[in-house]
Amino acid sequence: MSDKRQVRVNLAELSGAFEFHLPGRNAYLDLETGEIIWVTEETGWQLEALWEELPEEDSYPLAALETLLSQHDELPDWQKEELRNAARVEAVGSSQYLDVDPEPYSDYRDMKRFILTLEDERLANRLEAAIRGRGAFRRFKALVARTPWLQQAWYDFQARRIEARVQEWLDSAGIEAI
């Protein structure tokens, strides 16, 4: 019997949250639904501005959010949904939403590890030179894209590394994906 919390998780979505994590854009795993919720910094600022429209005595802003959103016809439906998600994450916090926070620079380390797997020393040296300094990702990807077998090998390697990081993250959070 596992001591881990069983959560229905879409592993492809969770992997995407690891792969496409950017500054100013946070992903959260909803521990009840297994859904990945994205909240941008900009949405957080918009939500703060909406909260400022609430009267001081309002003790449960989530209930008032729908009223506020109905008064803002200029907001498209997708943006209103993002604001609802951000409000839920803010209100409920870690009891329901787990911050998907990949290890910094893991993409760069993956490129270095991939280079070490290559038998062609000349190619490995070219890739090693490509990842030095600013623009490393762009140069690396451009060089890899020139050779279809190398590009596929990189994609396969990267997918395995992301899958491993996702599993490590789930394990450290005490979650068993079902």
C-alpha atoms as a PDB file:
ATOM      1  CA  MET A   1       0.000   0.000   0.000  1.00  0.00           C
ATOM      2  CA  SER A   2       1.437   3.337  -1.056  1.00  0.00           C
ATOM      3  CA  ASP A   3       1.556   6.291   1.319  1.00  0.00           C
ATOM      4  CA  LYS A   4       1.309   8.591  -1.671  1.00  0.00           C
ATOM      5  CA  ARG A   5      -1.788  10.595  -2.506  1.00  0.00           C
ATOM      6  CA  GLN A   6      -3.367   9.237  -5.660  1.00  0.00           C
ATOM      7  CA  VAL A   7      -4.246  11.978  -8.118  1.00  0.00           C
ATOM      8  CA  ARG A   8      -5.623  11.604 -11.616  1.00  0.00           C
ATOM      9  CA  VAL A   9      -2.986  13.433 -13.650  1.00  0.00           C
ATOM     10  CA  ASN A  10      -2.721  14.124 -17.349  1.00  0.00           C
ATOM     11  CA  LEU A  11       1.003  13.398 -17.638  1.00  0.00           C
ATOM     12  CA  ALA A  12       1.232  15.027 -21.077  1.00  0.00           C
ATOM     13  CA  GLU A  13      -0.162  18.296 -19.660  1.00  0.00           C
ATOM     14  CA  LEU A  14       2.122  18.079 -16.640  1.00  0.00           C
ATOM     15  CA  SER A  15       5.119  17.427 -18.897  1.00  0.00           C
ATOM     16  CA  GLY A  16       4.103  20.480 -20.922  1.00  0.00           C
ATOM     17  CA  ALA A  17       4.099  22.541 -17.736  1.00  0.00           C
ATOM     18  CA  PHE A  18       7.692  21.451 -17.146  1.00  0.00           C
ATOM     19  CA  GLU A  19       8.756  21.970 -20.741  1.00  0.00           C
ATOM     20  CA  PHE A  20       7.097  25.362 -21.294  1.00  0.00           C
ATOM     21  CA  HIS A  21       7.666  26.936 -17.889  1.00  0.00           C
ATOM     22  CA  LEU A  22       8.574  30.580 -18.389  1.00  0.00           C
ATOM     23  CA  PRO A  23       9.203  33.482 -16.041  1.00  0.00           C
ATOM     24  CA  GLY A  24       5.932  35.272 -15.334  1.00  0.00           C
ATOM     25  CA  ARG A  25       3.860  32.194 -16.155  1.00  0.00           C
ATOM     26  CA  ASN A  26       3.117  29.672 -13.419  1.00  0.00           C
ATOM     27  CA  ALA A  27       1.475  26.289 -13.671  1.00  0.00           C
ATOM     28  CA  TYR A  28      -0.419  24.583 -10.859  1.00  0.00           C
ATOM     29  CA  LEU A  29      -1.573  20.994 -10.534  1.00  0.00           C
ATOM     30  CA  ASP A  30      -5.150  20.847  -9.279  1.00  0.00           C
ATOM     31  CA  LEU A  31      -4.983  17.991  -6.789  1.00  0.00           C
ATOM     32  CA  GLU A  32      -8.731  17.342  -7.079  1.00  0.00           C
ATOM     33  CA  THR A  33      -9.118  17.252 -10.851  1.00  0.00           C
ATOM     34  CA  GLY A  34      -5.543  16.627 -12.012  1.00  0.00           C
ATOM     35  CA  GLU A  35      -5.885  19.584 -14.363  1.00  0.00           C
ATOM     36  CA  ILE A  36      -3.009  21.985 -15.002  1.00  0.00           C
ATOM     37  CA  ILE A  37      -3.970  25.595 -14.288  1.00  0.00           C
ATOM     38  CA  TRP A  38      -1.870  28.357 -15.817  1.00  0.00           C
ATOM     39  CA  VAL A  39      -1.666  31.764 -14.155  1.00  0.00           C
ATOM     40  CA  THR A  40       0.327  34.570 -15.720  1.00  0.00           C
ATOM     41  CA  GLU A  41       1.806  37.474 -13.851  1.00  0.00           C
ATOM     42  CA  GLU A  42      -0.404  39.775 -15.917  1.00  0.00           C
ATOM     43  CA  THR A  43      -3.529  37.872 -14.840  1.00  0.00           C
ATOM     44  CA  GLY A  44      -2.399  38.266 -11.226  1.00  0.00           C
ATOM     45  CA  TRP A  45      -2.155  42.026 -11.709  1.00  0.00           C
ATOM     46  CA  GLN A  46      -5.605  42.128 -13.331  1.00  0.00           C
ATOM     47  CA  LEU A  47      -7.026  40.134 -10.423  1.00  0.00           C
ATOM     48  CA  GLU A  48      -5.486  42.558  -7.919  1.00  0.00           C
ATOM     49  CA  ALA A  49      -7.136  45.447  -9.763  1.00  0.00           C
ATOM     50  CA  LEU A  50     -10.486  43.642  -9.596  1.00  0.00           C
ATOM     51  CA  TRP A  51     -10.072  42.987  -5.863  1.00  0.00           C
ATOM     52  CA  GLU A  52      -9.574  46.726  -5.364  1.00  0.00           C
ATOM     53  CA  GLU A  53     -13.096  47.258  -6.738  1.00  0.00           C
ATOM     54  CA  LEU A  54     -14.561  45.183  -3.888  1.00  0.00           C
ATOM     55  CA  PRO A  55     -15.945  46.896  -0.812  1.00  0.00           C
ATOM     56  CA  GLU A  56     -13.700  46.500   2.250  1.00  0.00           C
ATOM     57  CA  GLU A  57     -16.319  44.504   4.158  1.00  0.00           C
ATOM     58  CA  ASP A  58     -16.521  41.752   1.550  1.00  0.00           C
ATOM     59  CA  SER A  59     -15.146  38.750   3.414  1.00  0.00           C
ATOM     60  CA  TYR A  60     -15.403  36.199   0.609  1.00  0.00           C
ATOM     61  CA  PRO A  61     -14.103  37.727  -2.616  1.00  0.00           C
ATOM     62  CA  LEU A  62     -14.561  34.567  -4.710  1.00  0.00           C
ATOM     63  CA  ALA A  63     -18.333  34.933  -4.468  1.00  0.00           C
ATOM     64  CA  ALA A  64     -18.075  38.589  -5.465  1.00  0.00           C
ATOM     65  CA  LEU A  65     -15.746  37.827  -8.374  1.00  0.00           C
ATOM     66  CA  GLU A  66     -18.598  36.703 -10.631  1.00  0.00           C
ATOM     67  CA  THR A  67     -20.403  39.982 -10.010  1.00  0.00           C
ATOM     68  CA  LEU A  68     -17.242  41.906 -10.805  1.00  0.00           C
ATOM     69  CA  LEU A  69     -16.635  39.894 -13.970  1.00  0.00           C
ATOM     70  CA  SER A  70     -20.214  40.472 -15.149  1.00  0.00           C
ATOM     71  CA  GLN A  71     -19.561  44.225 -14.888  1.00  0.00           C
ATOM     72  CA  HIS A  72     -16.542  43.957 -17.197  1.00  0.00           C
ATOM     73  CA  ASP A  73     -18.026  43.216 -20.618  1.00  0.00           C
ATOM     74  CA  GLU A  74     -14.765  44.293 -22.233  1.00  0.00           C
ATOM     75  CA  LEU A  75     -13.059  41.132 -20.963  1.00  0.00           C
ATOM     76  CA  PRO A  76     -13.258  38.127 -23.303  1.00  0.00           C
ATOM     77  CA  ASP A  77     -14.506  34.826 -21.872  1.00  0.00           C
ATOM     78  CA  TRP A  78     -11.036  33.209 -21.921  1.00  0.00           C
ATOM     79  CA  GLN A  79      -9.658  36.053 -19.828  1.00  0.00           C
ATOM     80  CA  LYS A  80     -12.499  35.806 -17.331  1.00  0.00           C
ATOM     81  CA  GLU A  81     -11.755  32.089 -16.983  1.00  0.00           C
ATOM     82  CA  GLU A  82      -8.077  32.840 -16.355  1.00  0.00           C
ATOM     83  CA  LEU A  83      -9.103  35.324 -13.654  1.00  0.00           C
ATOM     84  CA  ARG A  84     -11.384  32.721 -12.046  1.00  0.00           C
ATOM     85  CA  ASN A  85      -8.528  30.207 -12.054  1.00  0.00           C
ATOM     86  CA  ALA A  86      -6.094  32.712 -10.567  1.00  0.00           C
ATOM     87  CA  ALA A  87      -8.614  33.632  -7.865  1.00  0.00           C
ATOM     88  CA  ARG A  88      -9.163  29.973  -6.954  1.00  0.00           C
ATOM     89  CA  VAL A  89      -5.431  29.304  -6.768  1.00  0.00           C
ATOM     90  CA  GLU A  90      -4.968  32.399  -4.617  1.00  0.00           C
ATOM     91  CA  ALA A  91      -7.908  31.607  -2.319  1.00  0.00           C
ATOM     92  CA  VAL A  92      -7.442  27.875  -1.855  1.00  0.00           C
ATOM     93  CA  GLY A  93      -3.672  27.701  -2.153  1.00  0.00           C
ATOM     94  CA  SER A  94      -1.587  24.601  -1.624  1.00  0.00           C
ATOM     95  CA  SER A  95      -4.408  22.562  -0.105  1.00  0.00           C
ATOM     96  CA  GLN A  96      -5.735  22.049  -3.652  1.00  0.00           C
ATOM     97  CA  TYR A  97      -3.159  23.548  -6.029  1.00  0.00           C
ATOM     98  CA  LEU A  98       0.445  22.451  -6.179  1.00  0.00           C
ATOM     99  CA  ASP A  99       2.884  24.874  -7.806  1.00  0.00           C
ATOM    100  CA  VAL A 100       4.636  23.199 -10.738  1.00  0.00           C
ATOM    101  CA  ASP A 101       8.076  24.660 -10.321  1.00  0.00           C
ATOM    102  CA  PRO A 102      10.681  22.900 -12.448  1.00  0.00           C
ATOM    103  CA  GLU A 103      14.309  22.991 -11.441  1.00  0.00           C
ATOM    104  CA  PRO A 104      15.989  26.082 -12.907  1.00  0.00           C
ATOM    105  CA  TYR A 105      18.353  25.569 -15.845  1.00  0.00           C
ATOM    106  CA  SER A 106      17.308  21.956 -16.318  1.00  0.00           C
ATOM    107  CA  ASP A 107      16.911  22.579 -20.083  1.00  0.00           C
ATOM    108  CA  TYR A 108      20.497  23.760 -20.311  1.00  0.00           C
ATOM    109  CA  ARG A 109      21.746  20.756 -18.338  1.00  0.00           C
ATOM    110  CA  ASP A 110      19.758  18.515 -20.689  1.00  0.00           C
ATOM    111  CA  MET A 111      21.587  19.972 -23.669  1.00  0.00           C
ATOM    112  CA  LYS A 112      24.947  19.307 -21.962  1.00  0.00           C
ATOM    113  CA  ARG A 113      23.926  15.737 -21.091  1.00  0.00           C
ATOM    114  CA  PHE A 114      22.707  15.130 -24.634  1.00  0.00           C
ATOM    115  CA  ILE A 115      26.033  16.264 -26.054  1.00  0.00           C
ATOM    116  CA  LEU A 116      27.810  13.734 -23.826  1.00  0.00           C
ATOM    117  CA  THR A 117      25.779  10.917 -25.424  1.00  0.00           C
ATOM    118  CA  LEU A 118      27.055  11.667 -28.933  1.00  0.00           C
ATOM    119  CA  GLU A 119      29.726   9.400 -30.374  1.00  0.00           C
ATOM    120  CA  ASP A 120      30.683  11.857 -33.122  1.00  0.00           C
ATOM    121  CA  GLU A 121      33.317  13.976 -31.361  1.00  0.00           C
ATOM    122  CA  ARG A 122      33.328  16.662 -34.038  1.00  0.00           C
ATOM    123  CA  LEU A 123      29.554  17.103 -33.791  1.00  0.00           C
ATOM    124  CA  ALA A 124      29.711  17.078 -30.001  1.00  0.00           C
ATOM    125  CA  ASN A 125      32.367  19.830 -30.071  1.00  0.00           C
ATOM    126  CA  ARG A 126      30.233  21.965 -32.406  1.00  0.00           C
ATOM    127  CA  LEU A 127      27.217  21.578 -30.121  1.00  0.00           C
ATOM    128  CA  GLU A 128      29.337  22.303 -27.048  1.00  0.00           C
ATOM    129  CA  ALA A 129      30.525  25.536 -28.665  1.00  0.00           C
ATOM    130  CA  ALA A 130      26.930  26.416 -29.607  1.00  0.00           C
ATOM    131  CA  ILE A 131      25.706  26.342 -26.003  1.00  0.00           C
ATOM    132  CA  ARG A 132      28.257  28.829 -24.707  1.00  0.00           C
ATOM    133  CA  GLY A 133      27.033  32.332 -23.912  1.00  0.00           C
ATOM    134  CA  ARG A 134      23.880  34.200 -24.784  1.00  0.00           C
ATOM    135  CA  GLY A 135      21.619  32.601 -27.384  1.00  0.00           C
ATOM    136  CA  ALA A 136      22.674  29.075 -26.429  1.00  0.00           C
ATOM    137  CA  PHE A 137      19.205  27.551 -26.888  1.00  0.00           C
ATOM    138  CA  ARG A 138      18.660  29.181 -30.263  1.00  0.00           C
ATOM    139  CA  ARG A 139      22.080  28.138 -31.576  1.00  0.00           C
ATOM    140  CA  PHE A 140      21.768  24.604 -30.205  1.00  0.00           C
ATOM    141  CA  LYS A 141      18.314  24.084 -31.731  1.00  0.00           C
ATOM    142  CA  ALA A 142      19.375  25.574 -35.077  1.00  0.00           C
ATOM    143  CA  LEU A 143      22.384  23.263 -35.261  1.00  0.00           C
ATOM    144  CA  VAL A 144      20.373  20.195 -34.247  1.00  0.00           C
ATOM    145  CA  ALA A 145      17.625  21.040 -36.763  1.00  0.00           C
ATOM    146  CA  ARG A 146      20.084  20.735 -39.656  1.00  0.00           C
ATOM    147  CA  THR A 147      20.274  16.957 -39.234  1.00  0.00           C
ATOM    148  CA  PRO A 148      16.972  15.037 -39.015  1.00  0.00           C
ATOM    149  CA  TRP A 149      18.380  12.037 -37.114  1.00  0.00           C
ATOM    150  CA  LEU A 150      20.075  14.345 -34.603  1.00  0.00           C
ATOM    151  CA  GLN A 151      16.923  16.384 -34.137  1.00  0.00           C
ATOM    152  CA  GLN A 152      14.908  13.239 -33.478  1.00  0.00           C
ATOM    153  CA  ALA A 153      17.546  11.967 -31.065  1.00  0.00           C
ATOM    154  CA  TRP A 154      17.380  15.302 -29.207  1.00  0.00           C
ATOM    155  CA  TYR A 155      13.569  15.228 -29.040  1.00  0.00           C
ATOM    156  CA  ASP A 156      13.622  11.668 -27.712  1.00  0.00           C
ATOM    157  CA  PHE A 157      16.315  12.496 -25.155  1.00  0.00           C
ATOM    158  CA  GLN A 158      14.507  15.644 -24.039  1.00  0.00           C
ATOM    159  CA  ALA A 159      11.191  13.785 -23.663  1.00  0.00           C
ATOM    160  CA  ARG A 160      12.861  11.139 -21.464  1.00  0.00           C
ATOM    161  CA  ARG A 161      14.505  13.825 -19.302  1.00  0.00           C
ATOM    162  CA  ILE A 162      11.235  15.720 -18.848  1.00  0.00           C
ATOM    163  CA  GLU A 163       9.419  12.490 -18.010  1.00  0.00           C
ATOM    164  CA  ALA A 164      12.060  11.717 -15.376  1.00  0.00           C
ATOM    165  CA  ARG A 165      11.804  15.211 -13.875  1.00  0.00           C
ATOM    166  CA  VAL A 166       8.015  14.978 -13.755  1.00  0.00           C
ATOM    167  CA  GLN A 167       8.221  11.636 -11.957  1.00  0.00           C
ATOM    168  CA  GLU A 168      10.811  12.970  -9.498  1.00  0.00           C
ATOM    169  CA  TRP A 169       8.590  15.989  -8.816  1.00  0.00           C
ATOM    170  CA  LEU A 170       5.526  13.804  -8.256  1.00  0.00           C
ATOM    171  CA  ASP A 171       7.528  11.549  -5.917  1.00  0.00           C
ATOM    172  CA  SER A 172       8.859  14.494  -3.912  1.00  0.00           C
ATOM    173  CA  ALA A 173       5.299  15.847  -3.582  1.00  0.00           C
ATOM    174  CA  GLY A 174       4.057  12.445  -2.379  1.00  0.00           C
ATOM    175  CA  ILE A 175       1.788  11.992  -5.383  1.00  0.00           C
ATOM    176  CA  GLU A 176       1.078   8.821  -7.311  1.00  0.00           C
ATOM    177  CA  ALA A 177      -0.269   9.662 -10.752  1.00  0.00           C
ATOM    178  CA  ILE A 178      -3.246   7.567 -11.793  1.00  0.00           C
END
